[in-house]
């Protein structure tokens, strides 16, 4: 089959392209390179079944058939990026999602939306099931990303109800692995960058806030299974193994052998205190759950960044 992957030059998008190609499919990757990078797909140059189209998905796009699936991952995804590009983030979640839904509708293709655990905001329910509506500040600094994804979910469901489009929504929780940008701003690459340089690890607040980290190969497997299913979602994809940010920082120091110390800074506005996915639905519907342990995934990621110290993602 032929798949269109938006955000193909991004972190998860590039790994998803690898998986689709490994399954024998043709892939048209689309990315405007605002936060993605050609480096993430450089290994696919010359691949007979892959092409990268530099294009903004908010702009009109006509493609020759066939298009069997549209996988919409385009969006700034780290706080550093979406705080720098709030308008672009809102545009790609609204206009870009509409353009890609229309593309899927014209070709009778499946549509998969990459949404986010940020839809739950700073949750009052723990762990977070798909039935939880969230606790989001609609006018806070993070709202450009939160509300863009929430709108994208609503738009996707509207197309499903009105046009009968075959759609799926994945709510992705913290994912890490090779090809993340070291200056990404999220906790995994930030801690790794600081530890590998011997700089202080910056922990916000007292470090008691929690996160749940999913290795990228597990995430791609979940997206692949969702794509093959008839499940509309939303469905949580993430690792339910919860860890505090302070404990995570100490784990990074142990695995890297870094002499870095831990430095505490004020907690950013609207930073979620706890984040842990309820993945019962993914287990029952997709037969999916994470397989890679945090230690195994971190060792792979650390080794990769040591081989690519100047990685631009």
C-alpha atoms as a PDB file:
ATOM      1  CA  UNK A   1       0.000   0.000   0.000  1.00  0.00           C
ATOM      2  CA  UNK A   2       0.957   3.650  -0.234  1.00  0.00           C
ATOM      3  CA  UNK A   3       0.979   5.723   2.931  1.00  0.00           C
ATOM      4  CA  UNK A   4       1.338   9.453   3.473  1.00  0.00           C
ATOM      5  CA  UNK A   5       3.129  10.326   6.717  1.00  0.00           C
ATOM      6  CA  UNK A   6       3.090  13.960   7.818  1.00  0.00           C
ATOM      7  CA  UNK A   7       5.826  15.029  10.213  1.00  0.00           C
ATOM      8  CA  UNK A   8       7.976  12.355   8.544  1.00  0.00           C
ATOM      9  CA  UNK A   9      11.221  14.146   9.370  1.00  0.00           C
ATOM     10  CA  UNK A  10      10.325  14.320  13.035  1.00  0.00           C
ATOM     11  CA  UNK A  11      11.346  11.925  15.804  1.00  0.00           C
ATOM     12  CA  UNK A  12       8.440   9.465  15.902  1.00  0.00           C
ATOM     13  CA  UNK A  13       7.475  10.155  12.279  1.00  0.00           C
ATOM     14  CA  UNK A  14      10.842   9.000  10.943  1.00  0.00           C
ATOM     15  CA  UNK A  15      10.709   5.763  12.940  1.00  0.00           C
ATOM     16  CA  UNK A  16       7.170   5.156  11.690  1.00  0.00           C
ATOM     17  CA  UNK A  17       8.391   5.577   8.099  1.00  0.00           C
ATOM     18  CA  UNK A  18      11.040   2.932   8.801  1.00  0.00           C
ATOM     19  CA  UNK A  19       8.372   0.534  10.048  1.00  0.00           C
ATOM     20  CA  UNK A  20       6.039   1.064   7.084  1.00  0.00           C
ATOM     21  CA  UNK A  21       8.899   0.496   4.657  1.00  0.00           C
ATOM     22  CA  UNK A  22       9.963  -2.626   6.544  1.00  0.00           C
ATOM     23  CA  UNK A  23       6.408  -3.926   6.124  1.00  0.00           C
ATOM     24  CA  UNK A  24       6.796  -3.541   2.356  1.00  0.00           C
ATOM     25  CA  UNK A  25       4.749  -0.384   1.783  1.00  0.00           C
ATOM     26  CA  UNK A  26       5.451   2.800  -0.182  1.00  0.00           C
ATOM     27  CA  UNK A  27       5.800   5.965   1.888  1.00  0.00           C
ATOM     28  CA  UNK A  28       5.429   9.597   0.930  1.00  0.00           C
ATOM     29  CA  UNK A  29       6.850  11.588   3.822  1.00  0.00           C
ATOM     30  CA  UNK A  30       5.703  15.185   4.178  1.00  0.00           C
ATOM     31  CA  UNK A  31       7.415  17.749   6.400  1.00  0.00           C
ATOM     32  CA  UNK A  32       7.965  21.512   6.243  1.00  0.00           C
ATOM     33  CA  UNK A  33      11.141  21.077   8.364  1.00  0.00           C
ATOM     34  CA  UNK A  34      10.014  23.713  10.880  1.00  0.00           C
ATOM     35  CA  UNK A  35      11.012  21.403  13.736  1.00  0.00           C
ATOM     36  CA  UNK A  36      11.782  18.212  11.805  1.00  0.00           C
ATOM     37  CA  UNK A  37      15.122  17.570  10.141  1.00  0.00           C
ATOM     38  CA  UNK A  38      16.347  15.876   6.978  1.00  0.00           C
ATOM     39  CA  UNK A  39      18.903  14.130   9.182  1.00  0.00           C
ATOM     40  CA  UNK A  40      16.126  11.931  10.595  1.00  0.00           C
ATOM     41  CA  UNK A  41      15.407  10.442   7.167  1.00  0.00           C
ATOM     42  CA  UNK A  42      18.858  10.789   5.580  1.00  0.00           C
ATOM     43  CA  UNK A  43      19.293   7.007   5.807  1.00  0.00           C
ATOM     44  CA  UNK A  44      16.270   6.649   3.497  1.00  0.00           C
ATOM     45  CA  UNK A  45      17.752   8.710   0.665  1.00  0.00           C
ATOM     46  CA  UNK A  46      17.653   6.637  -2.480  1.00  0.00           C
ATOM     47  CA  UNK A  47      15.182   4.130  -1.028  1.00  0.00           C
ATOM     48  CA  UNK A  48      12.996   3.035  -3.947  1.00  0.00           C
ATOM     49  CA  UNK A  49       9.773   3.173  -1.900  1.00  0.00           C
ATOM     50  CA  UNK A  50      10.346   6.418   0.009  1.00  0.00           C
ATOM     51  CA  UNK A  51      10.105  10.053  -0.985  1.00  0.00           C
ATOM     52  CA  UNK A  52      10.291  13.162   1.193  1.00  0.00           C
ATOM     53  CA  UNK A  53       8.151  16.089   0.090  1.00  0.00           C
ATOM     54  CA  UNK A  54       9.021  19.396   1.773  1.00  0.00           C
ATOM     55  CA  UNK A  55       5.577  20.924   2.159  1.00  0.00           C
ATOM     56  CA  UNK A  56       3.443  22.695   4.763  1.00  0.00           C
ATOM     57  CA  UNK A  57       0.335  20.579   5.337  1.00  0.00           C
ATOM     58  CA  UNK A  58      -1.640  23.751   6.025  1.00  0.00           C
ATOM     59  CA  UNK A  59      -1.326  24.498   2.305  1.00  0.00           C
ATOM     60  CA  UNK A  60      -3.353  22.718  -0.419  1.00  0.00           C
ATOM     61  CA  UNK A  61      -1.984  19.393  -1.600  1.00  0.00           C
ATOM     62  CA  UNK A  62      -3.081  17.230  -4.519  1.00  0.00           C
ATOM     63  CA  UNK A  63      -1.641  13.741  -4.902  1.00  0.00           C
ATOM     64  CA  UNK A  64      -2.000  11.126  -7.590  1.00  0.00           C
ATOM     65  CA  UNK A  65      -3.673   7.913  -6.455  1.00  0.00           C
ATOM     66  CA  UNK A  66      -3.340   5.602  -4.778  1.00  0.00           C
ATOM     67  CA  UNK A  67      -3.299   6.885  -1.213  1.00  0.00           C
ATOM     68  CA  UNK A  68      -4.269   4.070   1.142  1.00  0.00           C
ATOM     69  CA  UNK A  69      -3.557   5.754   4.453  1.00  0.00           C
ATOM     70  CA  UNK A  70      -2.801   9.199   5.863  1.00  0.00           C
ATOM     71  CA  UNK A  71      -0.863   9.216   9.136  1.00  0.00           C
ATOM     72  CA  UNK A  72      -0.932  12.737  10.546  1.00  0.00           C
ATOM     73  CA  UNK A  73       1.981  13.342  12.919  1.00  0.00           C
ATOM     74  CA  UNK A  74       2.891  16.882  11.826  1.00  0.00           C
ATOM     75  CA  UNK A  75       3.177  19.320  14.741  1.00  0.00           C
ATOM     76  CA  UNK A  76       5.779  20.878  16.989  1.00  0.00           C
ATOM     77  CA  UNK A  77       5.724  18.478  19.937  1.00  0.00           C
ATOM     78  CA  UNK A  78       8.125  19.750  22.601  1.00  0.00           C
ATOM     79  CA  UNK A  79       7.340  22.703  24.881  1.00  0.00           C
ATOM     80  CA  UNK A  80      10.408  24.511  23.568  1.00  0.00           C
ATOM     81  CA  UNK A  81       9.146  24.225  19.997  1.00  0.00           C
ATOM     82  CA  UNK A  82       5.456  24.942  20.445  1.00  0.00           C
ATOM     83  CA  UNK A  83       6.130  27.876  22.763  1.00  0.00           C
ATOM     84  CA  UNK A  84       8.385  29.275  20.039  1.00  0.00           C
ATOM     85  CA  UNK A  85       5.828  28.568  17.293  1.00  0.00           C
ATOM     86  CA  UNK A  86       2.393  28.862  18.937  1.00  0.00           C
ATOM     87  CA  UNK A  87       0.548  30.096  15.840  1.00  0.00           C
ATOM     88  CA  UNK A  88       2.076  27.427  13.612  1.00  0.00           C
ATOM     89  CA  UNK A  89       1.168  24.800  16.215  1.00  0.00           C
ATOM     90  CA  UNK A  90      -2.460  25.919  16.270  1.00  0.00           C
ATOM     91  CA  UNK A  91      -2.527  26.057  12.472  1.00  0.00           C
ATOM     92  CA  UNK A  92      -1.212  22.528  11.939  1.00  0.00           C
ATOM     93  CA  UNK A  93      -3.636  21.140  14.508  1.00  0.00           C
ATOM     94  CA  UNK A  94      -6.605  22.838  12.858  1.00  0.00           C
ATOM     95  CA  UNK A  95      -5.960  23.752   9.208  1.00  0.00           C
ATOM     96  CA  UNK A  96      -3.369  21.006   8.691  1.00  0.00           C
ATOM     97  CA  UNK A  97      -5.619  18.349  10.185  1.00  0.00           C
ATOM     98  CA  UNK A  98      -8.513  19.490   7.990  1.00  0.00           C
ATOM     99  CA  UNK A  99      -6.313  19.354   4.868  1.00  0.00           C
ATOM    100  CA  UNK A 100      -5.152  15.827   5.684  1.00  0.00           C
ATOM    101  CA  UNK A 101      -8.658  14.607   6.519  1.00  0.00           C
ATOM    102  CA  UNK A 102      -9.820  15.956   3.156  1.00  0.00           C
ATOM    103  CA  UNK A 103      -6.910  14.187   1.454  1.00  0.00           C
ATOM    104  CA  UNK A 104      -7.945  10.923   3.091  1.00  0.00           C
ATOM    105  CA  UNK A 105     -11.592  11.503   2.143  1.00  0.00           C
ATOM    106  CA  UNK A 106     -10.794  12.193  -1.517  1.00  0.00           C
ATOM    107  CA  UNK A 107      -8.808   8.978  -1.789  1.00  0.00           C
ATOM    108  CA  UNK A 108     -11.004   6.796   0.424  1.00  0.00           C
ATOM    109  CA  UNK A 109      -7.987   6.270   2.670  1.00  0.00           C
ATOM    110  CA  UNK A 110      -7.627   5.444   6.338  1.00  0.00           C
ATOM    111  CA  UNK A 111      -6.674   8.343   8.619  1.00  0.00           C
ATOM    112  CA  UNK A 112      -4.644   8.104  11.808  1.00  0.00           C
ATOM    113  CA  UNK A 113      -4.234  11.127  14.073  1.00  0.00           C
ATOM    114  CA  UNK A 114      -1.260  11.377  16.376  1.00  0.00           C
ATOM    115  CA  UNK A 115      -2.721  13.116  19.409  1.00  0.00           C
ATOM    116  CA  UNK A 116      -1.198  13.532  22.839  1.00  0.00           C
ATOM    117  CA  UNK A 117      -1.473  12.930  26.560  1.00  0.00           C
ATOM    118  CA  UNK A 118      -1.407  16.725  26.834  1.00  0.00           C
ATOM    119  CA  UNK A 119      -5.145  16.506  26.117  1.00  0.00           C
ATOM    120  CA  UNK A 120      -5.433  15.524  29.800  1.00  0.00           C
ATOM    121  CA  UNK A 121      -3.636  18.696  30.909  1.00  0.00           C
ATOM    122  CA  UNK A 122      -2.662  18.655  34.596  1.00  0.00           C
ATOM    123  CA  UNK A 123      -4.866  15.645  35.374  1.00  0.00           C
ATOM    124  CA  UNK A 124      -7.126  15.316  38.387  1.00  0.00           C
ATOM    125  CA  UNK A 125      -7.648  11.608  37.636  1.00  0.00           C
ATOM    126  CA  UNK A 126      -4.778   9.144  37.962  1.00  0.00           C
ATOM    127  CA  UNK A 127      -3.854   7.174  35.956  1.00  0.00           C
ATOM    128  CA  UNK A 128      -5.541   8.759  32.943  1.00  0.00           C
ATOM    129  CA  UNK A 129      -8.095   6.622  31.044  1.00  0.00           C
ATOM    130  CA  UNK A 130      -9.413   7.637  27.621  1.00  0.00           C
ATOM    131  CA  UNK A 131     -12.767   8.465  29.230  1.00  0.00           C
ATOM    132  CA  UNK A 132     -11.206  11.290  31.275  1.00  0.00           C
ATOM    133  CA  UNK A 133     -11.964  14.691  29.714  1.00  0.00           C
ATOM    134  CA  UNK A 134      -8.898  16.402  31.124  1.00  0.00           C
ATOM    135  CA  UNK A 135      -7.960  19.492  33.110  1.00  0.00           C
ATOM    136  CA  UNK A 136      -6.548  21.916  30.534  1.00  0.00           C
ATOM    137  CA  UNK A 137      -5.957  25.647  30.857  1.00  0.00           C
ATOM    138  CA  UNK A 138      -7.339  26.931  27.519  1.00  0.00           C
ATOM    139  CA  UNK A 139      -5.483  30.260  27.753  1.00  0.00           C
ATOM    140  CA  UNK A 140      -2.214  29.170  29.388  1.00  0.00           C
ATOM    141  CA  UNK A 141       1.177  29.103  27.638  1.00  0.00           C
ATOM    142  CA  UNK A 142       0.811  25.401  26.769  1.00  0.00           C
ATOM    143  CA  UNK A 143      -2.698  25.830  25.356  1.00  0.00           C
ATOM    144  CA  UNK A 144      -1.452  26.301  21.787  1.00  0.00           C
ATOM    145  CA  UNK A 145      -0.470  22.622  21.787  1.00  0.00           C
ATOM    146  CA  UNK A 146      -3.140  21.215  24.110  1.00  0.00           C
ATOM    147  CA  UNK A 147      -6.049  22.886  22.343  1.00  0.00           C
ATOM    148  CA  UNK A 148      -4.653  22.262  18.849  1.00  0.00           C
ATOM    149  CA  UNK A 149      -4.631  18.524  19.563  1.00  0.00           C
ATOM    150  CA  UNK A 150      -8.034  18.574  21.269  1.00  0.00           C
ATOM    151  CA  UNK A 151      -9.480  20.380  18.255  1.00  0.00           C
ATOM    152  CA  UNK A 152      -7.775  17.903  15.914  1.00  0.00           C
ATOM    153  CA  UNK A 153      -9.448  15.040  17.784  1.00  0.00           C
ATOM    154  CA  UNK A 154     -12.857  16.734  17.549  1.00  0.00           C
ATOM    155  CA  UNK A 155     -12.364  17.384  13.823  1.00  0.00           C
ATOM    156  CA  UNK A 156     -11.313  13.784  13.226  1.00  0.00           C
ATOM    157  CA  UNK A 157     -14.417  12.481  14.980  1.00  0.00           C
ATOM    158  CA  UNK A 158     -16.608  14.897  13.003  1.00  0.00           C
ATOM    159  CA  UNK A 159     -15.246  13.515   9.716  1.00  0.00           C
ATOM    160  CA  UNK A 160     -15.877   9.991  10.951  1.00  0.00           C
ATOM    161  CA  UNK A 161     -19.489  10.788  11.874  1.00  0.00           C
ATOM    162  CA  UNK A 162     -20.350  12.952   8.873  1.00  0.00           C
ATOM    163  CA  UNK A 163     -18.445  11.193   6.073  1.00  0.00           C
ATOM    164  CA  UNK A 164     -17.928   7.702   7.465  1.00  0.00           C
ATOM    165  CA  UNK A 165     -14.151   8.153   7.175  1.00  0.00           C
ATOM    166  CA  UNK A 166     -12.147   5.322   8.708  1.00  0.00           C
ATOM    167  CA  UNK A 167     -10.261   7.168  11.422  1.00  0.00           C
ATOM    168  CA  UNK A 168      -8.168   6.336  14.479  1.00  0.00           C
ATOM    169  CA  UNK A 169      -6.847   8.585  17.251  1.00  0.00           C
ATOM    170  CA  UNK A 170      -3.746   7.737  19.291  1.00  0.00           C
ATOM    171  CA  UNK A 171      -3.003   9.675  22.463  1.00  0.00           C
ATOM    172  CA  UNK A 172       0.768   9.417  22.724  1.00  0.00           C
ATOM    173  CA  UNK A 173       2.495   9.679  26.102  1.00  0.00           C
ATOM    174  CA  UNK A 174       6.157  10.603  26.661  1.00  0.00           C
ATOM    175  CA  UNK A 175       8.266   8.789  24.074  1.00  0.00           C
ATOM    176  CA  UNK A 176      12.053   8.676  23.835  1.00  0.00           C
ATOM    177  CA  UNK A 177      14.817   7.066  21.829  1.00  0.00           C
ATOM    178  CA  UNK A 178      17.343   7.696  19.039  1.00  0.00           C
ATOM    179  CA  UNK A 179      16.851  10.753  16.800  1.00  0.00           C
ATOM    180  CA  UNK A 180      15.396  13.017  19.467  1.00  0.00           C
ATOM    181  CA  UNK A 181      16.912  16.478  19.325  1.00  0.00           C
ATOM    182  CA  UNK A 182      19.261  17.030  22.243  1.00  0.00           C
ATOM    183  CA  UNK A 183      17.993  20.628  22.443  1.00  0.00           C
ATOM    184  CA  UNK A 184      14.398  19.369  22.295  1.00  0.00           C
ATOM    185  CA  UNK A 185      13.488  20.785  25.705  1.00  0.00           C
ATOM    186  CA  UNK A 186      11.775  17.618  26.919  1.00  0.00           C
ATOM    187  CA  UNK A 187      13.098  15.820  29.947  1.00  0.00           C
ATOM    188  CA  UNK A 188      14.813  12.795  28.341  1.00  0.00           C
ATOM    189  CA  UNK A 189      17.014  14.609  25.793  1.00  0.00           C
ATOM    190  CA  UNK A 190      17.575  17.506  28.187  1.00  0.00           C
ATOM    191  CA  UNK A 191      18.882  15.243  30.949  1.00  0.00           C
ATOM    192  CA  UNK A 192      20.961  13.202  28.495  1.00  0.00           C
ATOM    193  CA  UNK A 193      22.481  16.306  26.936  1.00  0.00           C
ATOM    194  CA  UNK A 194      23.321  17.751  30.348  1.00  0.00           C
ATOM    195  CA  UNK A 195      24.704  14.460  31.693  1.00  0.00           C
ATOM    196  CA  UNK A 196      26.863  13.765  28.635  1.00  0.00           C
ATOM    197  CA  UNK A 197      28.314  17.309  28.815  1.00  0.00           C
ATOM    198  CA  UNK A 198      28.814  17.148  32.581  1.00  0.00           C
ATOM    199  CA  UNK A 199      26.413  20.086  33.067  1.00  0.00           C
ATOM    200  CA  UNK A 200      23.931  20.285  35.964  1.00  0.00           C
ATOM    201  CA  UNK A 201      20.688  18.346  35.437  1.00  0.00           C
ATOM    202  CA  UNK A 202      17.883  20.887  35.745  1.00  0.00           C
ATOM    203  CA  UNK A 203      14.974  19.505  37.761  1.00  0.00           C
ATOM    204  CA  UNK A 204      11.918  21.739  38.001  1.00  0.00           C
ATOM    205  CA  UNK A 205      10.142  22.095  41.334  1.00  0.00           C
ATOM    206  CA  UNK A 206      11.198  19.464  43.855  1.00  0.00           C
ATOM    207  CA  UNK A 207      11.216  16.709  41.226  1.00  0.00           C
ATOM    208  CA  UNK A 208       8.242  14.871  42.746  1.00  0.00           C
ATOM    209  CA  UNK A 209       6.183  15.269  39.557  1.00  0.00           C
ATOM    210  CA  UNK A 210       5.963  12.009  37.633  1.00  0.00           C
ATOM    211  CA  UNK A 211       6.270  10.917  34.026  1.00  0.00           C
ATOM    212  CA  UNK A 212       5.941   7.595  32.186  1.00  0.00           C
ATOM    213  CA  UNK A 213       8.444   6.964  29.403  1.00  0.00           C
ATOM    214  CA  UNK A 214       7.836   4.749  26.373  1.00  0.00           C
ATOM    215  CA  UNK A 215      10.651   3.625  24.068  1.00  0.00           C
ATOM    216  CA  UNK A 216      10.106   4.593  20.451  1.00  0.00           C
ATOM    217  CA  UNK A 217      10.024   1.042  19.059  1.00  0.00           C
ATOM    218  CA  UNK A 218       7.173   0.204  21.418  1.00  0.00           C
ATOM    219  CA  UNK A 219       5.322   3.363  20.377  1.00  0.00           C
ATOM    220  CA  UNK A 220       5.689   2.582  16.675  1.00  0.00           C
ATOM    221  CA  UNK A 221       4.401  -0.946  17.290  1.00  0.00           C
ATOM    222  CA  UNK A 222       1.323   0.523  18.974  1.00  0.00           C
ATOM    223  CA  UNK A 223       0.697   2.926  16.094  1.00  0.00           C
ATOM    224  CA  UNK A 224       1.114   0.095  13.573  1.00  0.00           C
ATOM    225  CA  UNK A 225      -1.397  -2.106  15.400  1.00  0.00           C
ATOM    226  CA  UNK A 226      -3.842   0.782  15.668  1.00  0.00           C
ATOM    227  CA  UNK A 227      -3.497   1.440  11.936  1.00  0.00           C
ATOM    228  CA  UNK A 228      -4.380  -2.196  11.182  1.00  0.00           C
ATOM    229  CA  UNK A 229      -7.381  -2.168  13.521  1.00  0.00           C
ATOM    230  CA  UNK A 230     -10.877  -0.747  13.191  1.00  0.00           C
ATOM    231  CA  UNK A 231     -10.542   1.001  16.555  1.00  0.00           C
ATOM    232  CA  UNK A 232     -11.503   4.700  16.279  1.00  0.00           C
ATOM    233  CA  UNK A 233     -10.013   5.667  19.621  1.00  0.00           C
ATOM    234  CA  UNK A 234      -8.927   7.737  21.265  1.00  0.00           C
ATOM    235  CA  UNK A 235      -6.597   5.109  22.644  1.00  0.00           C
ATOM    236  CA  UNK A 236      -3.705   5.697  25.022  1.00  0.00           C
ATOM    237  CA  UNK A 237      -0.260   4.574  23.870  1.00  0.00           C
ATOM    238  CA  UNK A 238       2.405   4.883  26.520  1.00  0.00           C
ATOM    239  CA  UNK A 239       4.265   3.061  29.248  1.00  0.00           C
ATOM    240  CA  UNK A 240       2.361   2.854  32.554  1.00  0.00           C
ATOM    241  CA  UNK A 241       5.610   2.487  34.548  1.00  0.00           C
ATOM    242  CA  UNK A 242       5.571   5.772  36.475  1.00  0.00           C
ATOM    243  CA  UNK A 243       8.724   7.442  37.834  1.00  0.00           C
ATOM    244  CA  UNK A 244       9.383  10.777  39.513  1.00  0.00           C
ATOM    245  CA  UNK A 245      11.476  13.303  37.613  1.00  0.00           C
ATOM    246  CA  UNK A 246      14.032  13.371  40.452  1.00  0.00           C
ATOM    247  CA  UNK A 247      14.391   9.568  40.437  1.00  0.00           C
ATOM    248  CA  UNK A 248      14.661   9.694  36.652  1.00  0.00           C
ATOM    249  CA  UNK A 249      17.472  12.265  36.854  1.00  0.00           C
ATOM    250  CA  UNK A 250      19.355  10.028  39.267  1.00  0.00           C
ATOM    251  CA  UNK A 251      18.842   7.052  36.932  1.00  0.00           C
ATOM    252  CA  UNK A 252      20.363   9.064  34.066  1.00  0.00           C
ATOM    253  CA  UNK A 253      23.396   9.938  36.185  1.00  0.00           C
ATOM    254  CA  UNK A 254      23.904   6.262  37.067  1.00  0.00           C
ATOM    255  CA  UNK A 255      23.601   4.999  33.483  1.00  0.00           C
ATOM    256  CA  UNK A 256      25.850   7.680  31.975  1.00  0.00           C
ATOM    257  CA  UNK A 257      28.374   7.709  34.809  1.00  0.00           C
ATOM    258  CA  UNK A 258      28.184  11.495  34.638  1.00  0.00           C
ATOM    259  CA  UNK A 259      29.727  13.711  37.350  1.00  0.00           C
ATOM    260  CA  UNK A 260      26.848  16.183  36.900  1.00  0.00           C
ATOM    261  CA  UNK A 261      24.951  17.461  39.912  1.00  0.00           C
ATOM    262  CA  UNK A 262      21.214  18.124  40.139  1.00  0.00           C
ATOM    263  CA  UNK A 263      20.026  21.731  40.078  1.00  0.00           C
ATOM    264  CA  UNK A 264      16.479  22.689  41.119  1.00  0.00           C
ATOM    265  CA  UNK A 265      14.571  25.419  39.257  1.00  0.00           C
ATOM    266  CA  UNK A 266      11.047  26.879  39.627  1.00  0.00           C
ATOM    267  CA  UNK A 267       8.231  24.737  38.209  1.00  0.00           C
ATOM    268  CA  UNK A 268       6.887  26.100  34.876  1.00  0.00           C
ATOM    269  CA  UNK A 269       3.258  27.241  34.636  1.00  0.00           C
ATOM    270  CA  UNK A 270       0.720  24.444  33.992  1.00  0.00           C
ATOM    271  CA  UNK A 271       3.395  21.748  34.184  1.00  0.00           C
ATOM    272  CA  UNK A 272       1.500  18.483  34.884  1.00  0.00           C
ATOM    273  CA  UNK A 273       2.179  17.025  38.334  1.00  0.00           C
ATOM    274  CA  UNK A 274       1.447  13.414  37.405  1.00  0.00           C
ATOM    275  CA  UNK A 275       1.285  11.678  34.058  1.00  0.00           C
ATOM    276  CA  UNK A 276       0.595   7.967  33.680  1.00  0.00           C
ATOM    277  CA  UNK A 277      -1.447   6.233  30.975  1.00  0.00           C
ATOM    278  CA  UNK A 278      -4.194   3.733  31.658  1.00  0.00           C
ATOM    279  CA  UNK A 279      -3.545   1.260  28.798  1.00  0.00           C
ATOM    280  CA  UNK A 280      -6.200  -1.369  29.460  1.00  0.00           C
ATOM    281  CA  UNK A 281      -7.911  -0.476  26.182  1.00  0.00           C
ATOM    282  CA  UNK A 282      -4.679  -0.871  24.179  1.00  0.00           C
ATOM    283  CA  UNK A 283      -4.061  -4.245  25.805  1.00  0.00           C
ATOM    284  CA  UNK A 284      -7.592  -5.516  25.116  1.00  0.00           C
ATOM    285  CA  UNK A 285      -8.202  -4.024  21.655  1.00  0.00           C
ATOM    286  CA  UNK A 286      -4.711  -4.033  20.121  1.00  0.00           C
ATOM    287  CA  UNK A 287      -2.990  -6.722  22.156  1.00  0.00           C
ATOM    288  CA  UNK A 288      -0.317  -4.101  22.792  1.00  0.00           C
ATOM    289  CA  UNK A 289       1.785  -3.120  25.750  1.00  0.00           C
ATOM    290  CA  UNK A 290       5.342  -1.822  26.065  1.00  0.00           C
ATOM    291  CA  UNK A 291       8.086  -4.447  25.979  1.00  0.00           C
ATOM    292  CA  UNK A 292      11.256  -2.369  26.383  1.00  0.00           C
ATOM    293  CA  UNK A 293      12.239  -1.615  29.979  1.00  0.00           C
ATOM    294  CA  UNK A 294      13.302   1.892  30.956  1.00  0.00           C
ATOM    295  CA  UNK A 295      16.872   0.765  31.631  1.00  0.00           C
ATOM    296  CA  UNK A 296      17.136  -1.090  28.303  1.00  0.00           C
ATOM    297  CA  UNK A 297      15.672   1.833  26.364  1.00  0.00           C
ATOM    298  CA  UNK A 298      17.885   4.376  28.082  1.00  0.00           C
ATOM    299  CA  UNK A 299      21.018   2.309  27.439  1.00  0.00           C
ATOM    300  CA  UNK A 300      20.141   2.165  23.723  1.00  0.00           C
ATOM    301  CA  UNK A 301      19.409   5.895  23.641  1.00  0.00           C
ATOM    302  CA  UNK A 302      22.573   6.863  25.541  1.00  0.00           C
ATOM    303  CA  UNK A 303      24.691   4.701  23.241  1.00  0.00           C
ATOM    304  CA  UNK A 304      23.088   6.321  20.193  1.00  0.00           C
ATOM    305  CA  UNK A 305      23.732   9.860  21.422  1.00  0.00           C
ATOM    306  CA  UNK A 306      27.324   8.992  22.246  1.00  0.00           C
ATOM    307  CA  UNK A 307      27.710   7.960  18.617  1.00  0.00           C
ATOM    308  CA  UNK A 308      25.957  11.154  17.440  1.00  0.00           C
ATOM    309  CA  UNK A 309      27.098  13.879  19.868  1.00  0.00           C
ATOM    310  CA  UNK A 310      26.114  16.757  17.573  1.00  0.00           C
ATOM    311  CA  UNK A 311      22.751  15.313  16.522  1.00  0.00           C
ATOM    312  CA  UNK A 312      20.396  18.035  15.299  1.00  0.00           C
ATOM    313  CA  UNK A 313      17.324  15.807  15.156  1.00  0.00           C
END
